[in-house]
PDB file of N, CA and C in Angstrom:
ATOM      1  N   MET A   1     -89.552  11.100   7.476  1.00  0.00           N
ATOM      2  CA  MET A   1     -89.787  11.602   8.801  1.00  0.00           C
ATOM      3  C   MET A   1     -90.681  10.652   9.553  1.00  0.00           C
ATOM      4  N   LYS A   2     -90.488  10.456  10.872  1.00  0.00           N
ATOM      5  CA  LYS A   2     -91.294   9.497  11.604  1.00  0.00           C
ATOM      6  C   LYS A   2     -92.599  10.248  12.089  1.00  0.00           C
ATOM      7  N   PRO A   3     -93.693   9.537  12.216  1.00  0.00           N
ATOM      8  CA  PRO A   3     -94.876  10.173  12.751  1.00  0.00           C
ATOM      9  C   PRO A   3     -94.709  10.541  14.171  1.00  0.00           C
ATOM     10  N   TYR A   4     -95.496  11.534  14.581  1.00  0.00           N
ATOM     11  CA  TYR A   4     -95.413  12.067  15.929  1.00  0.00           C
ATOM     12  C   TYR A   4     -95.916  10.971  16.924  1.00  0.00           C
ATOM     13  N   ALA A   5     -95.159  10.664  17.971  1.00  0.00           N
ATOM     14  CA  ALA A   5     -95.492   9.501  18.740  1.00  0.00           C
ATOM     15  C   ALA A   5     -95.831   9.852  20.236  1.00  0.00           C
ATOM     16  N   GLY A   6     -95.978  11.103  20.608  1.00  0.00           N
ATOM     17  CA  GLY A   6     -96.251  11.413  22.015  1.00  0.00           C
ATOM     18  C   GLY A   6     -96.584  12.878  22.186  1.00  0.00           C
ATOM     19  N   SER A   7     -96.760  13.283  23.454  1.00  0.00           N
ATOM     20  CA  SER A   7     -97.054  14.668  23.727  1.00  0.00           C
ATOM     21  C   SER A   7     -95.748  15.494  23.798  1.00  0.00           C
ATOM     22  N   ARG A   8     -95.893  16.761  23.576  1.00  0.00           N
ATOM     23  CA  ARG A   8     -94.714  17.571  23.556  1.00  0.00           C
ATOM     24  C   ARG A   8     -94.347  18.024  24.988  1.00  0.00           C
ATOM     25  N   ARG A   9     -93.032  18.157  25.217  1.00  0.00           N
ATOM     26  CA  ARG A   9     -92.572  18.616  26.518  1.00  0.00           C
ATOM     27  C   ARG A   9     -92.343  20.092  26.363  1.00  0.00           C
ATOM     28  N   HIS A  10     -92.916  20.899  27.333  1.00  0.00           N
ATOM     29  CA  HIS A  10     -92.768  22.356  27.250  1.00  0.00           C
ATOM     30  C   HIS A  10     -91.716  22.812  28.334  1.00  0.00           C
ATOM     31  N   LEU A  11     -90.772  23.569  27.846  1.00  0.00           N
ATOM     32  CA  LEU A  11     -89.734  24.073  28.726  1.00  0.00           C
ATOM     33  C   LEU A  11     -90.182  25.283  29.463  1.00  0.00           C
ATOM     34  N   ALA A  12     -89.733  25.556  30.657  1.00  0.00           N
ATOM     35  CA  ALA A  12     -90.199  26.676  31.424  1.00  0.00           C
ATOM     36  C   ALA A  12     -89.754  27.963  30.766  1.00  0.00           C
ATOM     37  N   SER A  13     -88.641  28.033  30.068  1.00  0.00           N
ATOM     38  CA  SER A  13     -88.177  29.222  29.430  1.00  0.00           C
ATOM     39  C   SER A  13     -88.807  29.474  28.092  1.00  0.00           C
ATOM     40  N   SER A  14     -89.617  28.547  27.545  1.00  0.00           N
ATOM     41  CA  SER A  14     -90.226  28.707  26.232  1.00  0.00           C
ATOM     42  C   SER A  14     -91.297  29.777  26.269  1.00  0.00           C
ATOM     43  N   PRO A  15     -91.366  30.624  25.204  1.00  0.00           N
ATOM     44  CA  PRO A  15     -92.412  31.654  25.094  1.00  0.00           C
ATOM     45  C   PRO A  15     -93.778  31.000  24.746  1.00  0.00           C
ATOM     46  N   PHE A  16     -93.754  29.705  24.281  1.00  0.00           N
ATOM     47  CA  PHE A  16     -94.990  29.082  23.931  1.00  0.00           C
ATOM     48  C   PHE A  16     -95.442  28.235  25.091  1.00  0.00           C
ATOM     49  N   LYS A  17     -96.426  28.636  25.728  1.00  0.00           N
ATOM     50  CA  LYS A  17     -96.918  27.989  26.978  1.00  0.00           C
ATOM     51  C   LYS A  17     -97.843  26.812  26.595  1.00  0.00           C
ATOM     52  N   PRO A  18     -97.857  25.785  27.385  1.00  0.00           N
ATOM     53  CA  PRO A  18     -98.754  24.678  27.203  1.00  0.00           C
ATOM     54  C   PRO A  18    -100.246  25.094  27.347  1.00  0.00           C
ATOM     55  N   PRO A  19    -101.121  24.435  26.673  1.00  0.00           N
ATOM     56  CA  PRO A  19    -102.540  24.803  26.805  1.00  0.00           C
ATOM     57  C   PRO A  19    -103.011  24.700  28.288  1.00  0.00           C
ATOM     58  N   VAL A  20    -103.829  25.589  28.704  1.00  0.00           N
ATOM     59  CA  VAL A  20    -104.365  25.598  30.040  1.00  0.00           C
ATOM     60  C   VAL A  20    -105.572  24.689  30.062  1.00  0.00           C
ATOM     61  N   PRO A  21    -105.640  23.679  30.984  1.00  0.00           N
ATOM     62  CA  PRO A  21    -106.795  22.821  31.034  1.00  0.00           C
ATOM     63  C   PRO A  21    -108.070  23.586  31.322  1.00  0.00           C
ATOM     64  N   GLU A  22    -109.172  23.276  30.605  1.00  0.00           N
ATOM     65  CA  GLU A  22    -110.421  23.959  30.804  1.00  0.00           C
ATOM     66  C   GLU A  22    -111.077  23.471  32.116  1.00  0.00           C
ATOM     67  N   VAL A  23    -111.430  24.427  32.894  1.00  0.00           N
ATOM     68  CA  VAL A  23    -112.186  24.070  34.167  1.00  0.00           C
ATOM     69  C   VAL A  23    -113.673  24.314  33.955  1.00  0.00           C
ATOM     70  N   VAL A  24    -114.396  23.233  34.033  1.00  0.00           N
ATOM     71  CA  VAL A  24    -115.829  23.285  33.820  1.00  0.00           C
ATOM     72  C   VAL A  24    -116.506  23.346  35.186  1.00  0.00           C
ATOM     73  N   GLU A  25    -117.339  24.339  35.455  1.00  0.00           N
ATOM     74  CA  GLU A  25    -117.972  24.452  36.689  1.00  0.00           C
ATOM     75  C   GLU A  25    -119.169  23.394  36.822  1.00  0.00           C
ATOM     76  N   THR A  26    -119.295  22.905  38.005  1.00  0.00           N
ATOM     77  CA  THR A  26    -120.390  21.931  38.235  1.00  0.00           C
ATOM     78  C   THR A  26    -121.523  22.631  38.997  1.00  0.00           C
ATOM     79  N   PHE A  27    -122.706  22.156  38.711  1.00  0.00           N
ATOM     80  CA  PHE A  27    -123.917  22.744  39.268  1.00  0.00           C
ATOM     81  C   PHE A  27    -124.724  21.624  39.980  1.00  0.00           C
ATOM     82  N   LEU A  28    -125.434  22.049  40.980  1.00  0.00           N
ATOM     83  CA  LEU A  28    -126.264  21.154  41.813  1.00  0.00           C
ATOM     84  C   LEU A  28    -127.706  21.540  41.660  1.00  0.00           C
ATOM     85  N   VAL A  29    -128.647  20.599  41.910  1.00  0.00           N
ATOM     86  CA  VAL A  29    -130.056  20.842  41.787  1.00  0.00           C
ATOM     87  C   VAL A  29    -130.419  21.855  42.894  1.00  0.00           C
ATOM     88  N   ASP A  30    -131.353  22.776  42.593  1.00  0.00           N
ATOM     89  CA  ASP A  30    -131.824  23.826  43.470  1.00  0.00           C
ATOM     90  C   ASP A  30    -130.805  24.954  43.734  1.00  0.00           C
ATOM     91  N   GLU A  31    -129.791  25.018  42.902  1.00  0.00           N
ATOM     92  CA  GLU A  31    -128.767  26.035  43.066  1.00  0.00           C
ATOM     93  C   GLU A  31    -129.189  27.273  42.218  1.00  0.00           C
ATOM     94  N   ARG A  32    -129.051  28.463  42.833  1.00  0.00           N
ATOM     95  CA  ARG A  32    -129.441  29.716  42.123  1.00  0.00           C
ATOM     96  C   ARG A  32    -128.333  30.106  41.200  1.00  0.00           C
ATOM     97  N   VAL A  33    -128.660  30.454  39.968  1.00  0.00           N
ATOM     98  CA  VAL A  33    -127.711  30.775  38.945  1.00  0.00           C
ATOM     99  C   VAL A  33    -128.197  32.034  38.169  1.00  0.00           C
ATOM    100  N   THR A  34    -127.269  32.655  37.438  1.00  0.00           N
ATOM    101  CA  THR A  34    -127.600  33.747  36.555  1.00  0.00           C
ATOM    102  C   THR A  34    -127.012  33.474  35.202  1.00  0.00           C
ATOM    103  N   HIS A  35    -127.671  33.922  34.129  1.00  0.00           N
ATOM    104  CA  HIS A  35    -127.279  33.705  32.772  1.00  0.00           C
ATOM    105  C   HIS A  35    -127.279  35.073  32.056  1.00  0.00           C
ATOM    106  N   ASP A  36    -126.277  35.275  31.260  1.00  0.00           N
ATOM    107  CA  ASP A  36    -126.175  36.587  30.557  1.00  0.00           C
ATOM    108  C   ASP A  36    -127.382  36.940  29.680  1.00  0.00           C
ATOM    109  N   LYS A  37    -128.031  35.911  29.083  1.00  0.00           N
ATOM    110  CA  LYS A  37    -129.118  36.166  28.188  1.00  0.00           C
ATOM    111  C   LYS A  37    -130.470  35.959  28.936  1.00  0.00           C
ATOM    112  N   TYR A  38    -130.652  34.934  29.721  1.00  0.00           N
ATOM    113  CA  TYR A  38    -131.943  34.593  30.330  1.00  0.00           C
ATOM    114  C   TYR A  38    -132.210  35.194  31.676  1.00  0.00           C
ATOM    115  N   GLY A  39    -131.150  35.652  32.426  1.00  0.00           N
ATOM    116  CA  GLY A  39    -131.328  36.234  33.667  1.00  0.00           C
ATOM    117  C   GLY A  39    -131.232  35.259  34.821  1.00  0.00           C
ATOM    118  N   LEU A  40    -131.946  35.559  35.941  1.00  0.00           N
ATOM    119  CA  LEU A  40    -131.875  34.705  37.136  1.00  0.00           C
ATOM    120  C   LEU A  40    -132.665  33.400  37.007  1.00  0.00           C
ATOM    121  N   GLY A  41    -132.126  32.329  37.618  1.00  0.00           N
ATOM    122  CA  GLY A  41    -132.834  31.077  37.457  1.00  0.00           C
ATOM    123  C   GLY A  41    -132.400  30.131  38.589  1.00  0.00           C
ATOM    124  N   ARG A  42    -133.028  28.933  38.563  1.00  0.00           N
ATOM    125  CA  ARG A  42    -132.710  27.851  39.513  1.00  0.00           C
ATOM    126  C   ARG A  42    -132.481  26.590  38.744  1.00  0.00           C
ATOM    127  N   VAL A  43    -131.439  25.892  39.096  1.00  0.00           N
ATOM    128  CA  VAL A  43    -131.137  24.589  38.468  1.00  0.00           C
ATOM    129  C   VAL A  43    -132.150  23.543  38.858  1.00  0.00           C
ATOM    130  N   VAL A  44    -132.861  22.938  37.815  1.00  0.00           N
ATOM    131  CA  VAL A  44    -133.904  21.960  38.029  1.00  0.00           C
ATOM    132  C   VAL A  44    -133.369  20.533  37.906  1.00  0.00           C
ATOM    133  N   ALA A  45    -132.481  20.393  36.923  1.00  0.00           N
ATOM    134  CA  ALA A  45    -131.925  19.009  36.691  1.00  0.00           C
ATOM    135  C   ALA A  45    -130.514  19.103  36.220  1.00  0.00           C
ATOM    136  N   VAL A  46    -129.703  18.088  36.618  1.00  0.00           N
ATOM    137  CA  VAL A  46    -128.305  17.955  36.132  1.00  0.00           C
ATOM    138  C   VAL A  46    -128.198  16.702  35.335  1.00  0.00           C
ATOM    139  N   GLU A  47    -127.654  16.790  34.165  1.00  0.00           N
ATOM    140  CA  GLU A  47    -127.459  15.647  33.256  1.00  0.00           C
ATOM    141  C   GLU A  47    -125.929  15.356  33.238  1.00  0.00           C
ATOM    142  N   GLY A  48    -125.474  14.751  34.225  1.00  0.00           N
ATOM    143  CA  GLY A  48    -123.987  14.412  34.315  1.00  0.00           C
ATOM    144  C   GLY A  48    -123.197  15.718  34.320  1.00  0.00           C
ATOM    145  N   GLU A  49    -122.134  15.711  33.536  1.00  0.00           N
ATOM    146  CA  GLU A  49    -121.358  16.969  33.355  1.00  0.00           C
ATOM    147  C   GLU A  49    -121.588  17.615  31.961  1.00  0.00           C
ATOM    148  N   GLN A  50    -122.603  17.045  31.240  1.00  0.00           N
ATOM    149  CA  GLN A  50    -122.818  17.562  29.928  1.00  0.00           C
ATOM    150  C   GLN A  50    -123.909  18.660  29.764  1.00  0.00           C
ATOM    151  N   ALA A  51    -124.898  18.668  30.637  1.00  0.00           N
ATOM    152  CA  ALA A  51    -125.968  19.631  30.475  1.00  0.00           C
ATOM    153  C   ALA A  51    -126.686  19.875  31.805  1.00  0.00           C
ATOM    154  N   VAL A  52    -127.319  21.081  31.973  1.00  0.00           N
ATOM    155  CA  VAL A  52    -128.166  21.358  33.082  1.00  0.00           C
ATOM    156  C   VAL A  52    -129.487  21.916  32.519  1.00  0.00           C
ATOM    157  N   VAL A  53    -130.577  21.712  33.284  1.00  0.00           N
ATOM    158  CA  VAL A  53    -131.841  22.308  32.947  1.00  0.00           C
ATOM    159  C   VAL A  53    -132.084  23.376  34.009  1.00  0.00           C
ATOM    160  N   VAL A  54    -132.346  24.608  33.501  1.00  0.00           N
ATOM    161  CA  VAL A  54    -132.535  25.702  34.467  1.00  0.00           C
ATOM    162  C   VAL A  54    -133.908  26.341  34.229  1.00  0.00           C
ATOM    163  N   ASP A  55    -134.639  26.570  35.311  1.00  0.00           N
ATOM    164  CA  ASP A  55    -135.911  27.255  35.338  1.00  0.00           C
ATOM    165  C   ASP A  55    -135.710  28.757  35.470  1.00  0.00           C
ATOM    166  N   PHE A  56    -135.999  29.570  34.492  1.00  0.00           N
ATOM    167  CA  PHE A  56    -135.827  30.986  34.519  1.00  0.00           C
ATOM    168  C   PHE A  56    -137.137  31.725  34.827  1.00  0.00           C
ATOM    169  N   GLY A  57    -138.160  30.978  35.264  1.00  0.00           N
ATOM    170  CA  GLY A  57    -139.383  31.609  35.593  1.00  0.00           C
ATOM    171  C   GLY A  57    -140.347  31.586  34.470  1.00  0.00           C
ATOM    172  N   THR A  58    -139.945  32.169  33.353  1.00  0.00           N
ATOM    173  CA  THR A  58    -140.862  32.186  32.106  1.00  0.00           C
ATOM    174  C   THR A  58    -140.603  30.948  31.289  1.00  0.00           C
ATOM    175  N   SER A  59    -139.479  30.314  31.388  1.00  0.00           N
ATOM    176  CA  SER A  59    -139.184  29.135  30.508  1.00  0.00           C
ATOM    177  C   SER A  59    -138.118  28.254  31.207  1.00  0.00           C
ATOM    178  N   ARG A  60    -138.047  26.998  30.766  1.00  0.00           N
ATOM    179  CA  ARG A  60    -137.071  26.101  31.236  1.00  0.00           C
ATOM    180  C   ARG A  60    -136.127  25.896  30.082  1.00  0.00           C
ATOM    181  N   THR A  61    -134.806  26.013  30.317  1.00  0.00           N
ATOM    182  CA  THR A  61    -133.833  25.900  29.263  1.00  0.00           C
ATOM    183  C   THR A  61    -132.760  24.906  29.596  1.00  0.00           C
ATOM    184  N   ARG A  62    -132.464  24.060  28.627  1.00  0.00           N
ATOM    185  CA  ARG A  62    -131.373  23.097  28.712  1.00  0.00           C
ATOM    186  C   ARG A  62    -130.108  23.715  28.183  1.00  0.00           C
ATOM    187  N   LEU A  63    -129.100  23.868  29.021  1.00  0.00           N
ATOM    188  CA  LEU A  63    -127.843  24.506  28.629  1.00  0.00           C
ATOM    189  C   LEU A  63    -126.744  23.419  28.572  1.00  0.00           C
ATOM    190  N   MET A  64    -126.044  23.387  27.521  1.00  0.00           N
ATOM    191  CA  MET A  64    -124.946  22.429  27.314  1.00  0.00           C
ATOM    192  C   MET A  64    -123.611  22.935  27.778  1.00  0.00           C
ATOM    193  N   ARG A  65    -122.754  22.069  28.057  1.00  0.00           N
ATOM    194  CA  ARG A  65    -121.438  22.348  28.491  1.00  0.00           C
ATOM    195  C   ARG A  65    -120.691  23.155  27.404  1.00  0.00           C
ATOM    196  N   PRO A  66    -119.891  24.081  27.607  1.00  0.00           N
ATOM    197  CA  PRO A  66    -119.131  24.449  28.790  1.00  0.00           C
ATOM    198  C   PRO A  66    -119.743  25.565  29.680  1.00  0.00           C
ATOM    199  N   PHE A  67    -120.988  25.893  29.624  1.00  0.00           N
ATOM    200  CA  PHE A  67    -121.657  26.786  30.505  1.00  0.00           C
ATOM    201  C   PHE A  67    -121.021  28.140  30.595  1.00  0.00           C
ATOM    202  N   ALA A  68    -120.567  28.652  29.413  1.00  0.00           N
ATOM    203  CA  ALA A  68    -119.794  29.885  29.412  1.00  0.00           C
ATOM    204  C   ALA A  68    -120.493  31.102  30.006  1.00  0.00           C
ATOM    205  N   LYS A  69    -121.816  31.271  29.814  1.00  0.00           N
ATOM    206  CA  LYS A  69    -122.558  32.395  30.233  1.00  0.00           C
ATOM    207  C   LYS A  69    -123.370  32.129  31.509  1.00  0.00           C
ATOM    208  N   LEU A  70    -123.169  30.959  32.124  1.00  0.00           N
ATOM    209  CA  LEU A  70    -123.917  30.579  33.348  1.00  0.00           C
ATOM    210  C   LEU A  70    -123.028  30.711  34.563  1.00  0.00           C
ATOM    211  N   HIS A  71    -123.483  31.442  35.564  1.00  0.00           N
ATOM    212  CA  HIS A  71    -122.656  31.682  36.782  1.00  0.00           C
ATOM    213  C   HIS A  71    -123.516  31.408  38.010  1.00  0.00           C
ATOM    214  N   LYS A  72    -122.751  30.925  39.090  1.00  0.00           N
ATOM    215  CA  LYS A  72    -123.455  30.638  40.388  1.00  0.00           C
ATOM    216  C   LYS A  72    -123.645  31.960  41.080  1.00  0.00           C
ATOM    217  N   LEU A  73    -124.651  32.039  41.915  1.00  0.00           N
ATOM    218  CA  LEU A  73    -124.902  33.157  42.786  1.00  0.00           C
ATOM    219  C   LEU A  73    -124.447  32.852  44.172  1.00  0.00           C
TER     220      LEU A  73
END
């Protein structure tokens, strides 16, 4: 058997759907956010698309991508 040489083509009628590309939200400095665990905060620093530093009042926390529990207000 030959080794796999490319990406698979998905047909519209196929019950197996292609993977949905992950949409990563971007944050800006001084933007108000909320976190499921830490509560309300403000973005203090943005480290590319990999991490953000958020000031939650009692502590500053560095959150890594994919920011699953972090939401904009």
